[in-house]
């Protein structure tokens, strides 16, 4: 397992690339063809098998109970949170739900600081605050609505926020107890598939009459999502949760906005513009701080020859 000081940056960058592109086109099947969100979840669950196959090549599946525990928790909180998000959006306003859900890195940072005793410099703290603020700003959809600010969606949004924060923490914790990336991602894949019947039940059965372009476009975009999820596991196994969570959650929406600007010719809102600046500044501060602390704590040559990626 690679726990090098700098290698997490590579996988975090790949995650931002894949999730940034996925975010720009992920809504197309639903907005263009009316494809149910639950069906999108079903297809995503099966696309997870693709990166899981490549992740397991050359790696041994860890059969220890502790590996299963952290892997299943990470998988069920992630996939379960996605299903709950569909219900929350059906009951409440997106412009309130997304900013609340986007605070999940706060949960991760708090858990990592208290339970893992991760330490970050003052400069990194400034970066974390800037990145977390940017995540909220980037999650505010343009325009508002007349929906009630209170309702059944509120506890669901809070639950999703906590679930996704716990998911990221479990990815990091799994690596610290010696679970390899492939095993953690394998359990996440299994968890996603276990919830497929739930998605189908909520949907009321498989949809009929959808054009072939809908599932095809869904499969293409969700492969990007699935591969990005593997890179997320790999980034957390190599970097501090207090840094990886804010950086990845802040920068992926930035790329999505840039691509949306180029493809759909839509300008970001004022809040999104401020969020982009904060995301770039905060992420730069955190990466710089982590690099400097790594240079001071890792002996020369200690990180060399330390690469053992899950995907080959």
Protein backbone atom coordinates (compact mmCIF):
# COMPACT_ATOMS: atom_id res chain seq x y z
CA UNK A 1 0.00 0.00 0.00
CA UNK A 2 1.24 3.41 -0.92
CA UNK A 3 1.04 6.03 1.76
CA UNK A 4 3.50 8.42 0.11
CA UNK A 5 3.28 12.08 0.96
CA UNK A 6 2.75 13.36 -2.56
CA UNK A 7 1.04 10.54 -4.46
CA UNK A 8 -2.43 11.49 -3.19
CA UNK A 9 -2.23 14.64 -5.32
CA UNK A 10 -2.08 12.57 -8.52
CA UNK A 11 -5.17 10.54 -7.65
CA UNK A 12 -7.03 13.57 -6.35
CA UNK A 13 -6.28 15.33 -9.65
CA UNK A 14 -7.57 12.35 -11.63
CA UNK A 15 -10.67 12.32 -9.44
CA UNK A 16 -11.30 16.02 -10.14
CA UNK A 17 -10.89 15.35 -13.87
CA UNK A 18 -13.31 12.41 -13.98
CA UNK A 19 -15.89 13.86 -11.60
CA UNK A 20 -15.63 17.30 -13.19
CA UNK A 21 -16.49 15.90 -16.62
CA UNK A 22 -19.15 13.61 -15.13
CA UNK A 23 -20.76 16.54 -13.32
CA UNK A 24 -21.03 18.56 -16.51
CA UNK A 25 -23.04 15.86 -18.31
CA UNK A 26 -24.59 13.79 -15.50
CA UNK A 27 -28.00 15.49 -15.69
CA UNK A 28 -28.41 14.94 -19.44
CA UNK A 29 -30.25 11.57 -19.29
CA UNK A 30 -32.86 13.00 -16.91
CA UNK A 31 -33.22 16.51 -18.36
CA UNK A 32 -33.12 15.49 -22.01
CA UNK A 33 -34.90 12.12 -21.97
CA UNK A 34 -36.76 12.14 -18.65
CA UNK A 35 -34.80 9.09 -17.51
CA UNK A 36 -35.60 8.33 -13.83
CA UNK A 37 -32.88 9.16 -11.33
CA UNK A 38 -33.34 5.77 -9.70
CA UNK A 39 -32.57 4.09 -13.03
CA UNK A 40 -29.46 6.20 -13.31
CA UNK A 41 -28.47 4.82 -9.90
CA UNK A 42 -29.04 1.25 -11.09
CA UNK A 43 -26.79 1.74 -14.10
CA UNK A 44 -24.16 3.46 -11.95
CA UNK A 45 -24.11 0.50 -9.56
CA UNK A 46 -23.28 -1.87 -12.41
CA UNK A 47 -20.68 0.45 -13.95
CA UNK A 48 -18.80 0.20 -10.64
CA UNK A 49 -17.91 -3.35 -11.70
CA UNK A 50 -15.65 -1.99 -14.45
CA UNK A 51 -13.09 -0.14 -12.28
CA UNK A 52 -13.52 -2.83 -9.60
CA UNK A 53 -12.27 -5.44 -12.10
CA UNK A 54 -9.15 -3.43 -12.95
CA UNK A 55 -8.57 -2.56 -9.30
CA UNK A 56 -8.50 -6.25 -8.31
CA UNK A 57 -5.95 -7.21 -10.97
CA UNK A 58 -2.73 -8.06 -9.19
CA UNK A 59 -4.25 -7.36 -5.77
CA UNK A 60 -5.50 -9.76 -3.12
CA UNK A 61 -8.99 -9.30 -1.72
CA UNK A 62 -8.69 -8.69 2.02
CA UNK A 63 -11.09 -11.12 3.74
CA UNK A 64 -10.63 -9.77 7.26
CA UNK A 65 -13.81 -8.69 9.09
CA UNK A 66 -12.37 -5.21 9.65
CA UNK A 67 -11.94 -4.80 5.89
CA UNK A 68 -15.54 -5.83 5.31
CA UNK A 69 -16.76 -3.50 8.06
CA UNK A 70 -15.11 -0.33 6.76
CA UNK A 71 -15.75 -1.26 3.13
CA UNK A 72 -19.45 -1.89 3.68
CA UNK A 73 -19.89 1.24 5.77
CA UNK A 74 -18.20 3.32 3.09
CA UNK A 75 -20.29 1.70 0.38
CA UNK A 76 -23.67 1.80 2.11
CA UNK A 77 -23.29 5.37 3.34
CA UNK A 78 -22.28 6.51 -0.14
CA UNK A 79 -24.89 4.61 -2.13
CA UNK A 80 -27.58 5.02 0.53
CA UNK A 81 -26.94 8.75 0.61
CA UNK A 82 -27.45 8.91 -3.14
CA UNK A 83 -30.84 7.19 -2.89
CA UNK A 84 -31.87 9.50 -0.05
CA UNK A 85 -30.86 12.49 -2.17
CA UNK A 86 -33.41 11.54 -4.82
CA UNK A 87 -36.14 11.52 -2.16
CA UNK A 88 -34.97 14.79 -0.64
CA UNK A 89 -35.02 16.52 -4.03
CA UNK A 90 -38.54 15.23 -4.61
CA UNK A 91 -39.69 16.83 -1.33
CA UNK A 92 -37.67 20.03 -1.12
CA UNK A 93 -35.80 22.80 -2.95
CA UNK A 94 -32.47 21.96 -4.57
CA UNK A 95 -31.11 25.43 -3.81
CA UNK A 96 -31.29 24.62 -0.09
CA UNK A 97 -30.56 20.89 -0.19
CA UNK A 98 -27.29 20.97 -2.15
CA UNK A 99 -25.51 23.58 0.00
CA UNK A 100 -26.44 21.60 3.11
CA UNK A 101 -25.34 18.26 1.67
CA UNK A 102 -22.11 19.83 0.42
CA UNK A 103 -20.99 20.34 4.01
CA UNK A 104 -20.12 16.64 4.28
CA UNK A 105 -16.35 17.38 4.24
CA UNK A 106 -16.87 19.20 7.54
CA UNK A 107 -17.94 15.87 9.07
CA UNK A 108 -14.90 14.17 7.57
CA UNK A 109 -12.49 16.83 8.81
CA UNK A 110 -13.95 16.76 12.32
CA UNK A 111 -13.84 12.96 12.52
CA UNK A 112 -10.28 12.81 11.18
CA UNK A 113 -9.12 15.48 13.60
CA UNK A 114 -10.75 13.91 16.67
CA UNK A 115 -10.54 10.18 15.93
CA UNK A 116 -7.42 9.95 13.76
CA UNK A 117 -5.53 12.79 15.44
CA UNK A 118 -4.65 14.27 12.09
CA UNK A 119 -2.85 17.57 12.43
CA UNK A 120 -2.88 20.40 9.93
CA UNK A 121 -0.94 23.63 9.90
CA UNK A 122 -2.49 27.05 10.36
CA UNK A 123 -2.01 27.73 6.67
CA UNK A 124 -3.88 24.52 5.84
CA UNK A 125 -6.68 25.51 8.22
CA UNK A 126 -7.16 28.72 6.21
CA UNK A 127 -7.26 26.59 3.06
CA UNK A 128 -9.80 24.19 4.56
CA UNK A 129 -12.11 27.06 5.56
CA UNK A 130 -11.81 28.63 2.10
CA UNK A 131 -12.48 25.30 0.36
CA UNK A 132 -15.48 24.46 2.55
CA UNK A 133 -16.94 27.91 1.92
CA UNK A 134 -16.42 27.47 -1.80
CA UNK A 135 -18.17 24.09 -1.78
CA UNK A 136 -21.30 25.69 -0.33
CA UNK A 137 -21.18 28.58 -2.80
CA UNK A 138 -20.64 26.27 -5.76
CA UNK A 139 -23.60 24.14 -4.66
CA UNK A 140 -26.09 27.01 -4.78
CA UNK A 141 -28.15 26.54 -7.97
CA UNK A 142 -28.89 29.65 -9.99
CA UNK A 143 -32.28 31.02 -9.07
CA UNK A 144 -34.43 30.15 -6.12
CA UNK A 145 -37.90 28.86 -5.60
CA UNK A 146 -41.03 29.13 -3.53
CA UNK A 147 -40.55 25.84 -1.72
CA UNK A 148 -40.82 25.81 2.04
CA UNK A 149 -37.49 26.09 3.81
CA UNK A 150 -38.64 23.41 6.26
CA UNK A 151 -40.12 20.01 5.58
CA UNK A 152 -39.38 16.29 5.37
CA UNK A 153 -36.40 17.00 3.12
CA UNK A 154 -34.45 18.73 5.90
CA UNK A 155 -33.64 15.67 8.07
CA UNK A 156 -32.88 13.73 4.89
CA UNK A 157 -30.38 16.37 3.76
CA UNK A 158 -28.70 16.34 7.17
CA UNK A 159 -28.55 12.55 7.10
CA UNK A 160 -26.98 12.58 3.62
CA UNK A 161 -24.41 15.13 4.76
CA UNK A 162 -23.43 12.96 7.73
CA UNK A 163 -23.46 9.76 5.64
CA UNK A 164 -21.10 11.12 2.99
CA UNK A 165 -18.83 12.58 5.65
CA UNK A 166 -18.64 9.19 7.36
CA UNK A 167 -18.01 7.48 4.02
CA UNK A 168 -14.88 9.55 3.39
CA UNK A 169 -13.65 8.93 6.93
CA UNK A 170 -14.08 5.17 6.54
CA UNK A 171 -12.04 5.21 3.32
CA UNK A 172 -9.16 6.80 5.19
CA UNK A 173 -9.57 4.58 8.26
CA UNK A 174 -9.60 1.44 6.12
CA UNK A 175 -6.23 2.38 4.65
CA UNK A 176 -4.78 3.07 8.09
CA UNK A 177 -5.66 -0.44 9.30
CA UNK A 178 -3.99 -1.99 6.28
CA UNK A 179 -6.89 -2.57 3.90
CA UNK A 180 -5.81 -2.19 0.28
CA UNK A 181 -7.62 0.09 -2.17
CA UNK A 182 -9.01 -2.75 -4.26
CA UNK A 183 -10.71 -4.37 -1.28
CA UNK A 184 -12.32 -1.15 -0.08
CA UNK A 185 -13.57 -0.36 -3.56
CA UNK A 186 -14.76 -3.94 -3.99
CA UNK A 187 -16.95 -3.69 -0.90
CA UNK A 188 -18.24 -0.31 -2.11
CA UNK A 189 -19.22 -1.96 -5.40
CA UNK A 190 -21.00 -4.77 -3.57
CA UNK A 191 -22.83 -2.23 -1.39
CA UNK A 192 -24.04 -0.30 -4.42
CA UNK A 193 -25.40 -3.46 -6.02
CA UNK A 194 -27.14 -4.50 -2.80
CA UNK A 195 -29.24 -1.34 -2.95
CA UNK A 196 -30.31 -1.83 -6.59
CA UNK A 197 -33.58 -3.60 -5.55
CA UNK A 198 -34.36 -0.62 -3.31
CA UNK A 199 -33.91 1.78 -6.23
CA UNK A 200 -36.13 -0.37 -8.47
CA UNK A 201 -38.81 -0.57 -5.76
CA UNK A 202 -38.79 3.21 -5.28
CA UNK A 203 -39.04 3.61 -9.05
CA UNK A 204 -41.99 1.20 -9.21
CA UNK A 205 -40.34 -1.11 -11.72
CA UNK A 206 -38.11 -0.63 -14.73
CA UNK A 207 -39.14 2.23 -17.04
CA UNK A 208 -40.52 1.47 -20.48
CA UNK A 209 -40.48 3.56 -23.61
CA UNK A 210 -37.17 5.29 -22.94
CA UNK A 211 -35.04 5.78 -26.07
CA UNK A 212 -31.82 3.80 -26.27
CA UNK A 213 -29.85 7.03 -25.99
CA UNK A 214 -30.96 7.43 -22.36
CA UNK A 215 -29.34 4.27 -20.90
CA UNK A 216 -26.37 4.62 -23.27
CA UNK A 217 -25.63 8.19 -22.20
CA UNK A 218 -26.18 7.20 -18.58
CA UNK A 219 -23.69 4.35 -18.85
CA UNK A 220 -21.01 6.59 -20.39
CA UNK A 221 -21.34 9.31 -17.77
CA UNK A 222 -21.62 6.91 -14.85
CA UNK A 223 -18.43 5.11 -15.85
CA UNK A 224 -16.70 8.43 -15.26
CA UNK A 225 -18.40 8.59 -11.87
CA UNK A 226 -17.36 5.05 -10.97
CA UNK A 227 -13.73 5.48 -12.00
CA UNK A 228 -13.64 8.74 -10.08
CA UNK A 229 -14.85 6.90 -6.99
CA UNK A 230 -11.89 4.52 -7.26
CA UNK A 231 -9.50 7.46 -7.49
CA UNK A 232 -11.18 8.88 -4.38
CA UNK A 233 -10.39 5.70 -2.45
CA UNK A 234 -6.81 5.83 -3.69
CA UNK A 235 -6.43 9.49 -2.74
CA UNK A 236 -7.76 8.89 0.78
CA UNK A 237 -5.42 5.94 1.30
CA UNK A 238 -2.44 8.19 0.59
CA UNK A 239 -3.37 11.59 1.96
CA UNK A 240 -4.85 13.12 5.08
CA UNK A 241 -8.64 13.12 5.19
CA UNK A 242 -8.51 16.69 6.51
CA UNK A 243 -6.95 17.75 3.20
CA UNK A 244 -8.25 15.29 0.60
CA UNK A 245 -11.95 15.75 1.42
CA UNK A 246 -12.05 19.57 1.07
CA UNK A 247 -9.75 19.65 -1.97
CA UNK A 248 -11.63 17.07 -4.04
CA UNK A 249 -15.08 18.36 -3.10
CA UNK A 250 -14.07 21.92 -3.98
CA UNK A 251 -12.20 21.42 -7.25
CA UNK A 252 -14.50 18.93 -9.04
CA UNK A 253 -17.40 21.46 -9.22
CA UNK A 254 -14.97 24.08 -10.54
CA UNK A 255 -14.13 21.90 -13.54
CA UNK A 256 -17.82 21.13 -14.02
CA UNK A 257 -18.63 24.85 -14.16
CA UNK A 258 -15.78 25.52 -16.60
CA UNK A 259 -16.94 22.70 -18.89
CA UNK A 260 -20.56 23.84 -18.65
CA UNK A 261 -19.43 27.32 -19.62
CA UNK A 262 -17.65 25.94 -22.69
CA UNK A 263 -20.29 23.41 -23.76
CA UNK A 264 -23.56 25.06 -22.78
CA UNK A 265 -22.31 28.68 -22.90
CA UNK A 266 -23.79 29.45 -19.50
CA UNK A 267 -22.13 31.94 -17.20
CA UNK A 268 -21.68 31.01 -13.53
CA UNK A 269 -23.58 32.98 -10.91
CA UNK A 270 -21.85 35.56 -8.74
CA UNK A 271 -21.79 33.06 -5.87
CA UNK A 272 -20.26 30.39 -8.10
CA UNK A 273 -17.64 32.87 -9.31
CA UNK A 274 -16.63 33.64 -5.74
CA UNK A 275 -16.67 29.92 -4.98
CA UNK A 276 -14.28 29.20 -7.86
CA UNK A 277 -11.76 31.71 -6.54
CA UNK A 278 -12.03 30.34 -3.00
CA UNK A 279 -11.77 26.73 -4.21
CA UNK A 280 -8.60 27.40 -6.15
CA UNK A 281 -7.04 29.48 -3.38
CA UNK A 282 -8.02 27.10 -0.57
CA UNK A 283 -6.89 23.99 -2.44
CA UNK A 284 -3.57 25.62 -3.33
CA UNK A 285 -2.95 26.50 0.31
CA UNK A 286 -3.76 22.98 1.49
CA UNK A 287 -1.62 21.27 -1.12
CA UNK A 288 1.29 23.64 -0.50
CA UNK A 289 1.03 23.16 3.26
CA UNK A 290 0.84 19.37 2.93
CA UNK A 291 3.85 19.36 0.62
CA UNK A 292 5.91 21.44 3.06
CA UNK A 293 4.95 19.30 6.05
CA UNK A 294 5.78 16.18 4.03
CA UNK A 295 9.22 17.50 3.18
CA UNK A 296 9.96 18.09 6.84
CA UNK A 297 8.62 14.77 8.13
CA UNK A 298 9.72 12.32 5.41
CA UNK A 299 13.36 11.40 5.10
CA UNK A 300 14.96 11.90 1.66
CA UNK A 301 14.21 8.95 -0.57
CA UNK A 302 11.61 7.50 1.83
CA UNK A 303 8.78 8.01 -0.66
CA UNK A 304 10.75 6.70 -3.63
CA UNK A 305 9.74 3.33 -4.98
CA UNK A 306 6.60 3.52 -2.89
CA UNK A 307 4.09 3.38 -5.68
CA UNK A 308 1.69 0.43 -5.72
CA UNK A 309 -1.43 1.63 -7.52
CA UNK A 310 -4.61 -0.40 -7.39
CA UNK A 311 -5.29 0.09 -11.10
CA UNK A 312 -2.81 -1.49 -13.47
